């Protein structure tokens, strides 16, 4: 929703969302955004398709389907301390999927606005991430976010788009 708001002027579709009766998002698909840029006097256009899926364990096969063919991934962790083990399991699942295929990914820690939210430092320890704020390339190790208010959501998306573009221009194919 925050990406639709931010990129309203360049989106190709409205996207859609399917939610449970409890307000949990099951699926959001078909948000297409187009970006135009120049590198060394050559013009490029890229179309991004943003596809999301739920992290609940029973939807593992859905995630595998959605991730097949992905050029970049945003892993969204939950700041609820009760979700520590689910975060760890989901992150291991991501690593097992993304690393062998050399798919770039960024990490968000969402719901940082809730009471008793897990700290970014504790989240990094939980997932075995570097404790520094940023990697040597300047990208954040973890983006603390609050999707309700849009905090850091667009920054995180921009980072993964840049990593995908970088990979494209530096691929060995």
N, C-alpha and C. Protein backbone atom coordinates (compact mmCIF):
# COMPACT_ATOMS: atom_id res chain seq x y z
N UNK A 1 0.83 -1.19 0.00
CA UNK A 1 0.00 0.00 0.00
C UNK A 1 0.87 1.25 0.00
N UNK A 2 1.96 1.23 0.77
CA UNK A 2 2.83 2.41 0.84
C UNK A 2 3.56 2.63 -0.48
N UNK A 3 3.92 1.56 -1.17
CA UNK A 3 4.56 1.71 -2.47
C UNK A 3 3.58 2.28 -3.49
N UNK A 4 2.33 1.82 -3.43
CA UNK A 4 1.31 2.37 -4.33
C UNK A 4 1.15 3.86 -4.11
N UNK A 5 1.16 4.29 -2.84
CA UNK A 5 1.03 5.72 -2.54
C UNK A 5 2.22 6.50 -3.07
N UNK A 6 3.41 6.00 -2.82
CA UNK A 6 4.63 6.72 -3.19
C UNK A 6 4.81 6.80 -4.70
N UNK A 7 4.55 5.70 -5.38
CA UNK A 7 4.83 5.63 -6.82
C UNK A 7 3.57 5.72 -7.66
N UNK A 8 2.57 6.40 -7.18
CA UNK A 8 1.29 6.51 -7.87
C UNK A 8 1.46 7.00 -9.30
N UNK A 9 2.40 7.89 -9.53
CA UNK A 9 2.57 8.49 -10.86
C UNK A 9 3.27 7.58 -11.86
N UNK A 10 3.88 6.48 -11.40
CA UNK A 10 4.58 5.61 -12.35
C UNK A 10 4.08 4.16 -12.31
N UNK A 11 3.04 3.91 -11.56
CA UNK A 11 2.56 2.53 -11.49
C UNK A 11 1.70 2.22 -12.70
N UNK A 12 1.73 0.98 -13.08
CA UNK A 12 0.95 0.53 -14.23
C UNK A 12 -0.38 -0.08 -13.81
N UNK A 13 -0.45 -0.57 -12.59
CA UNK A 13 -1.67 -1.19 -12.11
C UNK A 13 -1.92 -0.77 -10.67
N UNK A 14 -3.13 -0.98 -10.21
CA UNK A 14 -3.47 -0.69 -8.82
C UNK A 14 -3.04 -1.79 -7.88
N UNK A 15 -2.87 -2.99 -8.40
CA UNK A 15 -2.58 -4.14 -7.56
C UNK A 15 -3.85 -4.58 -6.86
N UNK A 16 -3.78 -5.67 -6.15
CA UNK A 16 -4.92 -6.12 -5.37
C UNK A 16 -4.41 -6.83 -4.14
N UNK A 17 -5.27 -6.99 -3.18
CA UNK A 17 -4.90 -7.60 -1.92
C UNK A 17 -6.02 -8.50 -1.45
N UNK A 18 -5.64 -9.65 -0.91
CA UNK A 18 -6.61 -10.57 -0.33
C UNK A 18 -6.27 -10.67 1.15
N UNK A 19 -7.24 -10.36 1.99
CA UNK A 19 -7.00 -10.39 3.43
C UNK A 19 -7.95 -11.37 4.10
N UNK A 20 -7.49 -11.89 5.25
CA UNK A 20 -8.35 -12.76 6.05
C UNK A 20 -9.37 -11.89 6.77
N UNK A 21 -10.33 -12.53 7.42
CA UNK A 21 -11.33 -11.78 8.19
C UNK A 21 -10.70 -11.09 9.40
N UNK A 22 -9.46 -11.49 9.75
CA UNK A 22 -8.76 -10.88 10.88
C UNK A 22 -7.81 -9.78 10.43
N UNK A 23 -7.85 -9.40 9.13
CA UNK A 23 -7.03 -8.32 8.63
C UNK A 23 -5.62 -8.71 8.26
N UNK A 24 -5.28 -10.01 8.25
CA UNK A 24 -3.96 -10.47 7.84
C UNK A 24 -3.93 -10.57 6.32
N UNK A 25 -2.87 -10.07 5.71
CA UNK A 25 -2.75 -10.14 4.26
C UNK A 25 -2.31 -11.53 3.85
N UNK A 26 -3.08 -12.13 2.97
CA UNK A 26 -2.71 -13.43 2.41
C UNK A 26 -1.92 -13.26 1.12
N UNK A 27 -2.29 -12.29 0.33
CA UNK A 27 -1.68 -12.17 -0.99
C UNK A 27 -1.89 -10.76 -1.51
N UNK A 28 -0.88 -10.22 -2.08
CA UNK A 28 -1.00 -8.94 -2.77
C UNK A 28 -0.14 -9.08 -4.02
N UNK A 29 -0.71 -8.80 -5.14
CA UNK A 29 -0.03 -9.15 -6.38
C UNK A 29 -0.24 -8.08 -7.43
N UNK A 30 0.57 -8.16 -8.47
CA UNK A 30 0.39 -7.38 -9.68
C UNK A 30 0.52 -5.88 -9.52
N UNK A 31 1.36 -5.43 -8.61
CA UNK A 31 1.70 -4.01 -8.58
C UNK A 31 2.91 -3.86 -9.49
N UNK A 32 2.70 -3.28 -10.65
CA UNK A 32 3.77 -3.07 -11.61
C UNK A 32 4.17 -1.60 -11.58
N UNK A 33 5.48 -1.37 -11.47
CA UNK A 33 6.03 -0.02 -11.51
C UNK A 33 7.05 0.04 -12.62
N UNK A 34 7.11 1.15 -13.34
CA UNK A 34 8.11 1.30 -14.39
C UNK A 34 9.04 2.45 -14.03
N UNK A 35 10.34 2.23 -14.22
CA UNK A 35 11.37 3.22 -13.94
C UNK A 35 12.21 3.44 -15.19
N UNK A 36 12.54 4.68 -15.46
CA UNK A 36 13.41 5.02 -16.59
C UNK A 36 14.66 5.68 -16.04
N UNK A 37 15.82 5.30 -16.58
CA UNK A 37 17.08 5.88 -16.12
C UNK A 37 18.11 5.77 -17.23
N UNK A 38 19.18 6.55 -17.11
CA UNK A 38 20.27 6.56 -18.08
C UNK A 38 21.56 6.15 -17.38
N UNK A 39 22.34 5.32 -18.08
CA UNK A 39 23.68 4.95 -17.63
C UNK A 39 24.59 5.08 -18.84
N UNK A 40 25.63 5.91 -18.71
CA UNK A 40 26.57 6.11 -19.81
C UNK A 40 25.87 6.46 -21.12
N UNK A 41 24.95 7.39 -21.06
CA UNK A 41 24.21 7.87 -22.22
C UNK A 41 23.33 6.82 -22.90
N UNK A 42 23.05 5.74 -22.20
CA UNK A 42 22.13 4.73 -22.71
C UNK A 42 20.90 4.76 -21.82
N UNK A 43 19.72 4.84 -22.45
CA UNK A 43 18.47 4.89 -21.70
C UNK A 43 17.95 3.48 -21.44
N UNK A 44 17.47 3.27 -20.23
CA UNK A 44 16.91 1.99 -19.84
C UNK A 44 15.54 2.21 -19.23
N UNK A 45 14.69 1.23 -19.39
CA UNK A 45 13.40 1.21 -18.72
C UNK A 45 13.29 -0.15 -18.04
N UNK A 46 12.90 -0.14 -16.79
CA UNK A 46 12.67 -1.41 -16.12
C UNK A 46 11.25 -1.40 -15.57
N UNK A 47 10.66 -2.55 -15.60
CA UNK A 47 9.33 -2.72 -15.02
C UNK A 47 9.49 -3.67 -13.85
N UNK A 48 9.05 -3.23 -12.70
CA UNK A 48 9.11 -4.09 -11.52
C UNK A 48 7.72 -4.63 -11.25
N UNK A 49 7.69 -5.88 -10.86
CA UNK A 49 6.45 -6.48 -10.40
C UNK A 49 6.64 -6.79 -8.93
N UNK A 50 5.83 -6.19 -8.11
CA UNK A 50 5.92 -6.40 -6.67
C UNK A 50 4.88 -7.44 -6.29
N UNK A 51 5.35 -8.54 -5.74
CA UNK A 51 4.48 -9.63 -5.33
C UNK A 51 4.79 -9.93 -3.87
N UNK A 52 3.77 -10.03 -3.05
CA UNK A 52 3.99 -10.35 -1.65
C UNK A 52 3.27 -11.64 -1.30
N UNK A 53 3.75 -12.26 -0.26
CA UNK A 53 3.07 -13.45 0.25
C UNK A 53 3.25 -13.51 1.76
N UNK A 54 2.39 -14.19 2.39
CA UNK A 54 2.38 -14.29 3.84
C UNK A 54 3.52 -15.18 4.33
N UNK A 55 3.96 -14.94 5.54
CA UNK A 55 5.03 -15.72 6.13
C UNK A 55 4.57 -16.91 6.94
N UNK A 56 3.28 -17.12 7.02
CA UNK A 56 2.79 -18.23 7.83
C UNK A 56 3.26 -19.56 7.25
N UNK A 57 3.63 -20.47 8.13
CA UNK A 57 4.23 -21.73 7.71
C UNK A 57 3.37 -22.52 6.73
N UNK A 58 2.07 -22.46 6.90
CA UNK A 58 1.20 -23.26 6.03
C UNK A 58 1.21 -22.76 4.58
N UNK A 59 1.83 -21.60 4.34
CA UNK A 59 1.90 -21.07 2.99
C UNK A 59 3.28 -21.22 2.36
N UNK A 60 4.08 -22.17 2.86
CA UNK A 60 5.42 -22.40 2.33
C UNK A 60 5.40 -22.64 0.82
N UNK A 61 4.51 -23.48 0.34
CA UNK A 61 4.47 -23.77 -1.09
C UNK A 61 4.12 -22.52 -1.90
N UNK A 62 3.30 -21.64 -1.33
CA UNK A 62 2.97 -20.38 -2.00
C UNK A 62 4.22 -19.52 -2.13
N UNK A 63 5.01 -19.45 -1.06
CA UNK A 63 6.24 -18.65 -1.11
C UNK A 63 7.21 -19.20 -2.14
N UNK A 64 7.35 -20.51 -2.19
CA UNK A 64 8.24 -21.12 -3.17
C UNK A 64 7.81 -20.76 -4.59
N UNK A 65 6.51 -20.78 -4.82
CA UNK A 65 5.98 -20.41 -6.14
C UNK A 65 6.26 -18.94 -6.45
N UNK A 66 5.99 -18.07 -5.49
CA UNK A 66 6.18 -16.63 -5.69
C UNK A 66 7.66 -16.30 -5.90
N UNK A 67 8.54 -16.96 -5.14
CA UNK A 67 9.96 -16.65 -5.22
C UNK A 67 10.64 -17.21 -6.46
N UNK A 68 10.02 -18.20 -7.09
CA UNK A 68 10.61 -18.77 -8.29
C UNK A 68 10.69 -17.69 -9.37
N UNK A 69 11.87 -17.35 -9.78
CA UNK A 69 12.06 -16.32 -10.78
C UNK A 69 12.24 -14.92 -10.20
N UNK A 70 12.28 -14.79 -8.88
CA UNK A 70 12.47 -13.47 -8.27
C UNK A 70 13.87 -12.94 -8.56
N UNK A 71 13.96 -11.65 -8.79
CA UNK A 71 15.24 -10.98 -8.98
C UNK A 71 15.74 -10.34 -7.69
N UNK A 72 14.85 -10.11 -6.75
CA UNK A 72 15.20 -9.51 -5.47
C UNK A 72 14.10 -9.80 -4.47
N UNK A 73 14.48 -9.81 -3.19
CA UNK A 73 13.53 -10.16 -2.14
C UNK A 73 13.65 -9.18 -0.98
N UNK A 74 12.52 -8.79 -0.44
CA UNK A 74 12.48 -8.03 0.81
C UNK A 74 11.94 -8.98 1.87
N UNK A 75 12.77 -9.31 2.85
CA UNK A 75 12.33 -10.14 3.96
C UNK A 75 11.76 -9.21 5.02
N UNK A 76 10.53 -9.46 5.45
CA UNK A 76 9.86 -8.61 6.44
C UNK A 76 9.68 -9.41 7.72
N UNK A 77 10.45 -9.04 8.75
CA UNK A 77 10.32 -9.66 10.06
C UNK A 77 9.27 -8.93 10.88
N UNK A 78 8.80 -9.59 11.92
CA UNK A 78 7.76 -9.06 12.79
C UNK A 78 8.39 -8.68 14.13
N UNK A 79 8.13 -7.46 14.61
CA UNK A 79 8.70 -6.96 15.85
C UNK A 79 8.07 -7.54 17.11
N UNK A 80 7.02 -8.30 16.97
CA UNK A 80 6.38 -8.92 18.13
C UNK A 80 7.33 -9.95 18.73
N UNK A 81 7.72 -9.79 19.99
CA UNK A 81 8.64 -10.75 20.61
C UNK A 81 8.14 -12.19 20.54
N UNK A 82 6.84 -12.40 20.45
CA UNK A 82 6.28 -13.74 20.35
C UNK A 82 6.57 -14.38 18.98
N UNK A 83 7.03 -13.58 18.02
CA UNK A 83 7.29 -14.07 16.66
C UNK A 83 8.77 -14.38 16.42
N UNK A 84 9.59 -14.40 17.48
CA UNK A 84 11.03 -14.63 17.32
C UNK A 84 11.32 -15.92 16.53
N UNK A 85 10.73 -17.02 16.97
CA UNK A 85 11.02 -18.29 16.32
C UNK A 85 10.50 -18.32 14.88
N UNK A 86 9.35 -17.73 14.65
CA UNK A 86 8.82 -17.65 13.29
C UNK A 86 9.74 -16.81 12.41
N UNK A 87 10.25 -15.70 12.95
CA UNK A 87 11.21 -14.86 12.20
C UNK A 87 12.45 -15.66 11.84
N UNK A 88 12.99 -16.38 12.83
CA UNK A 88 14.21 -17.16 12.61
C UNK A 88 13.97 -18.23 11.54
N UNK A 89 12.86 -18.96 11.66
CA UNK A 89 12.54 -20.00 10.69
C UNK A 89 12.38 -19.42 9.29
N UNK A 90 11.64 -18.35 9.18
CA UNK A 90 11.39 -17.73 7.87
C UNK A 90 12.68 -17.20 7.26
N UNK A 91 13.55 -16.64 8.09
CA UNK A 91 14.82 -16.12 7.58
C UNK A 91 15.70 -17.27 7.07
N UNK A 92 15.76 -18.37 7.82
CA UNK A 92 16.53 -19.53 7.35
C UNK A 92 15.98 -20.03 6.02
N UNK A 93 14.67 -20.05 5.91
CA UNK A 93 14.03 -20.46 4.67
C UNK A 93 14.46 -19.54 3.52
N UNK A 94 14.49 -18.25 3.79
CA UNK A 94 14.92 -17.29 2.77
C UNK A 94 16.36 -17.53 2.36
N UNK A 95 17.24 -17.70 3.34
CA UNK A 95 18.66 -17.93 3.03
C UNK A 95 18.82 -19.19 2.19
N UNK A 96 18.15 -20.24 2.57
CA UNK A 96 18.24 -21.49 1.82
C UNK A 96 17.75 -21.35 0.39
N UNK A 97 16.81 -20.44 0.17
CA UNK A 97 16.29 -20.23 -1.17
C UNK A 97 17.15 -19.23 -1.96
N UNK A 98 17.49 -18.10 -1.35
CA UNK A 98 18.11 -16.99 -2.07
C UNK A 98 19.61 -17.16 -2.31
N UNK A 99 20.33 -17.66 -1.32
CA UNK A 99 21.80 -17.73 -1.44
C UNK A 99 22.26 -18.57 -2.62
N UNK A 100 21.76 -19.80 -2.80
CA UNK A 100 22.25 -20.60 -3.93
C UNK A 100 21.97 -19.97 -5.29
N UNK A 101 20.93 -19.17 -5.37
CA UNK A 101 20.55 -18.54 -6.64
C UNK A 101 21.13 -17.13 -6.76
N UNK A 102 21.87 -16.69 -5.74
CA UNK A 102 22.48 -15.35 -5.71
C UNK A 102 21.44 -14.25 -5.91
N UNK A 103 20.30 -14.40 -5.25
CA UNK A 103 19.24 -13.40 -5.31
C UNK A 103 19.49 -12.38 -4.20
N UNK A 104 19.63 -11.11 -4.54
CA UNK A 104 19.83 -10.11 -3.48
C UNK A 104 18.56 -9.96 -2.64
N UNK A 105 18.77 -9.64 -1.37
CA UNK A 105 17.63 -9.40 -0.49
C UNK A 105 17.99 -8.35 0.54
N UNK A 106 16.97 -7.69 1.04
CA UNK A 106 17.12 -6.74 2.13
C UNK A 106 16.18 -7.19 3.25
N UNK A 107 16.47 -6.71 4.46
CA UNK A 107 15.72 -7.14 5.63
C UNK A 107 15.02 -5.97 6.28
N UNK A 108 13.73 -6.11 6.48
CA UNK A 108 12.92 -5.13 7.22
C UNK A 108 12.55 -5.73 8.56
N UNK A 109 12.44 -4.88 9.56
CA UNK A 109 11.85 -5.27 10.83
C UNK A 109 10.63 -4.39 11.00
N UNK A 110 9.46 -4.94 10.70
CA UNK A 110 8.22 -4.17 10.68
C UNK A 110 7.59 -4.11 12.07
N UNK A 111 6.62 -3.24 12.20
CA UNK A 111 5.85 -3.03 13.43
C UNK A 111 6.71 -2.52 14.58
N UNK A 112 7.68 -1.68 14.25
CA UNK A 112 8.54 -1.11 15.28
C UNK A 112 7.79 -0.16 16.20
N UNK A 113 6.55 0.16 15.86
CA UNK A 113 5.74 1.06 16.66
C UNK A 113 4.94 0.35 17.76
N UNK A 114 4.97 -0.99 17.79
CA UNK A 114 4.17 -1.68 18.80
C UNK A 114 4.86 -1.63 20.17
N UNK A 115 4.06 -1.75 21.21
CA UNK A 115 4.61 -1.82 22.56
C UNK A 115 5.45 -3.10 22.67
N UNK A 116 6.57 -2.99 23.36
CA UNK A 116 7.42 -4.15 23.62
C UNK A 116 8.05 -4.72 22.34
N UNK A 117 8.23 -3.89 21.32
CA UNK A 117 8.81 -4.36 20.06
C UNK A 117 10.25 -4.83 20.29
N UNK A 118 10.62 -5.91 19.60
CA UNK A 118 11.98 -6.38 19.66
C UNK A 118 12.89 -5.30 19.08
N UNK A 119 14.04 -5.10 19.66
CA UNK A 119 14.96 -4.07 19.18
C UNK A 119 15.64 -4.56 17.90
N UNK A 120 16.11 -3.62 17.11
CA UNK A 120 16.82 -3.97 15.88
C UNK A 120 18.07 -4.77 16.24
N UNK A 121 18.76 -4.39 17.30
CA UNK A 121 19.97 -5.11 17.72
C UNK A 121 19.65 -6.56 18.07
N UNK A 122 18.60 -6.79 18.85
CA UNK A 122 18.21 -8.16 19.22
C UNK A 122 17.76 -8.95 17.99
N UNK A 123 17.09 -8.28 17.06
CA UNK A 123 16.65 -8.93 15.83
C UNK A 123 17.87 -9.38 15.01
N UNK A 124 18.87 -8.51 14.91
CA UNK A 124 20.09 -8.88 14.18
C UNK A 124 20.76 -10.09 14.82
N UNK A 125 20.84 -10.09 16.15
CA UNK A 125 21.43 -11.24 16.85
C UNK A 125 20.62 -12.50 16.58
N UNK A 126 19.31 -12.40 16.63
CA UNK A 126 18.43 -13.53 16.40
C UNK A 126 18.69 -14.18 15.03
N UNK A 127 18.90 -13.34 14.02
CA UNK A 127 19.08 -13.84 12.66
C UNK A 127 20.54 -14.07 12.29
N UNK A 128 21.46 -13.69 13.20
CA UNK A 128 22.88 -13.85 12.90
C UNK A 128 23.40 -12.81 11.91
N UNK A 129 22.81 -11.63 11.92
CA UNK A 129 23.22 -10.56 11.01
C UNK A 129 24.31 -9.71 11.66
N UNK A 130 25.10 -8.99 10.87
CA UNK A 130 26.09 -8.09 11.44
C UNK A 130 25.42 -7.05 12.34
N UNK A 131 26.09 -6.67 13.41
CA UNK A 131 25.50 -5.71 14.35
C UNK A 131 25.68 -4.26 13.91
N UNK A 132 26.48 -4.03 12.87
CA UNK A 132 26.64 -2.68 12.34
C UNK A 132 25.32 -2.19 11.77
N UNK A 133 25.21 -0.86 11.62
CA UNK A 133 23.99 -0.29 11.05
C UNK A 133 23.92 -0.47 9.54
N UNK A 134 25.10 -0.38 8.89
CA UNK A 134 25.13 -0.48 7.43
C UNK A 134 26.25 -1.41 6.97
N UNK A 135 26.06 -1.94 5.77
CA UNK A 135 27.09 -2.74 5.11
C UNK A 135 28.12 -1.79 4.49
N UNK A 136 29.26 -2.30 4.06
CA UNK A 136 30.28 -1.44 3.43
C UNK A 136 29.76 -0.65 2.23
N UNK A 137 28.74 -1.18 1.52
CA UNK A 137 28.20 -0.46 0.36
C UNK A 137 27.22 0.65 0.76
N UNK A 138 26.96 0.79 2.07
CA UNK A 138 26.07 1.86 2.55
C UNK A 138 24.63 1.44 2.75
N UNK A 139 24.27 0.23 2.33
CA UNK A 139 22.89 -0.22 2.53
C UNK A 139 22.72 -0.66 3.98
N UNK A 140 21.51 -0.50 4.48
CA UNK A 140 21.23 -0.86 5.87
C UNK A 140 21.22 -2.37 6.04
N UNK A 141 21.69 -2.82 7.20
CA UNK A 141 21.62 -4.24 7.53
C UNK A 141 20.17 -4.62 7.78
N UNK A 142 19.45 -3.79 8.53
CA UNK A 142 18.03 -3.99 8.80
C UNK A 142 17.34 -2.63 8.71
N UNK A 143 16.23 -2.61 8.01
CA UNK A 143 15.40 -1.42 7.92
C UNK A 143 14.30 -1.51 8.97
N UNK A 144 14.39 -0.72 10.05
CA UNK A 144 13.27 -0.71 11.01
C UNK A 144 12.10 0.02 10.36
N UNK A 145 10.95 -0.64 10.30
CA UNK A 145 9.82 -0.05 9.58
C UNK A 145 8.55 -0.05 10.41
N UNK A 146 7.65 0.80 9.97
CA UNK A 146 6.28 0.81 10.46
C UNK A 146 5.43 1.01 9.20
N UNK A 147 4.93 -0.09 8.67
CA UNK A 147 4.19 -0.04 7.41
C UNK A 147 2.92 0.80 7.52
N UNK A 148 2.32 0.84 8.71
CA UNK A 148 1.11 1.64 8.87
C UNK A 148 1.36 3.10 8.54
N UNK A 149 2.54 3.59 8.87
CA UNK A 149 2.89 4.99 8.63
C UNK A 149 3.86 5.16 7.46
N UNK A 150 4.33 4.06 6.92
CA UNK A 150 5.22 4.10 5.77
C UNK A 150 6.68 4.37 6.11
N UNK A 151 7.06 4.30 7.37
CA UNK A 151 8.44 4.61 7.76
C UNK A 151 9.42 3.58 7.20
N UNK A 152 10.36 4.04 6.40
CA UNK A 152 11.46 3.26 5.81
C UNK A 152 11.02 2.23 4.77
N UNK A 153 9.75 2.12 4.47
CA UNK A 153 9.28 1.13 3.51
C UNK A 153 9.79 1.45 2.11
N UNK A 154 9.69 2.69 1.70
CA UNK A 154 10.13 3.08 0.36
C UNK A 154 11.65 3.01 0.26
N UNK A 155 12.36 3.43 1.31
CA UNK A 155 13.83 3.34 1.31
C UNK A 155 14.28 1.90 1.10
N UNK A 156 13.63 0.99 1.77
CA UNK A 156 13.95 -0.43 1.65
C UNK A 156 13.69 -0.91 0.22
N UNK A 157 12.56 -0.53 -0.34
CA UNK A 157 12.23 -0.92 -1.71
C UNK A 157 13.25 -0.36 -2.70
N UNK A 158 13.60 0.90 -2.54
CA UNK A 158 14.59 1.51 -3.42
C UNK A 158 15.92 0.78 -3.34
N UNK A 159 16.31 0.36 -2.14
CA UNK A 159 17.56 -0.37 -1.97
C UNK A 159 17.53 -1.69 -2.73
N UNK A 160 16.45 -2.45 -2.63
CA UNK A 160 16.42 -3.74 -3.33
C UNK A 160 16.38 -3.53 -4.84
N UNK A 161 15.70 -2.51 -5.32
CA UNK A 161 15.70 -2.23 -6.76
C UNK A 161 17.11 -1.92 -7.24
N UNK A 162 17.85 -1.11 -6.48
CA UNK A 162 19.24 -0.80 -6.85
C UNK A 162 20.11 -2.04 -6.85
N UNK A 163 19.91 -2.93 -5.88
CA UNK A 163 20.70 -4.16 -5.85
C UNK A 163 20.38 -5.05 -7.05
N UNK A 164 19.12 -5.12 -7.43
CA UNK A 164 18.74 -5.92 -8.60
C UNK A 164 19.37 -5.34 -9.86
N UNK A 165 19.31 -4.03 -10.01
CA UNK A 165 19.93 -3.39 -11.18
C UNK A 165 21.43 -3.63 -11.19
N UNK A 166 22.06 -3.48 -10.05
CA UNK A 166 23.51 -3.73 -9.94
C UNK A 166 23.83 -5.17 -10.37
N UNK A 167 23.06 -6.13 -9.85
CA UNK A 167 23.29 -7.53 -10.22
C UNK A 167 23.11 -7.74 -11.73
N UNK A 168 22.13 -7.10 -12.29
CA UNK A 168 21.87 -7.25 -13.72
C UNK A 168 23.07 -6.79 -14.54
N UNK A 169 23.61 -5.63 -14.19
CA UNK A 169 24.72 -5.07 -14.97
C UNK A 169 26.06 -5.73 -14.64
N UNK A 170 26.12 -6.48 -13.57
CA UNK A 170 27.37 -7.13 -13.18
C UNK A 170 27.28 -8.65 -13.25
N UNK A 171 26.23 -9.16 -13.89
CA UNK A 171 26.10 -10.62 -14.01
C UNK A 171 27.15 -11.15 -14.98
N UNK A 172 27.48 -12.39 -14.79
CA UNK A 172 28.53 -13.04 -15.61
C UNK A 172 27.94 -13.71 -16.84
N UNK A 173 26.65 -13.58 -17.04
CA UNK A 173 26.00 -14.24 -18.19
C UNK A 173 26.39 -13.60 -19.49
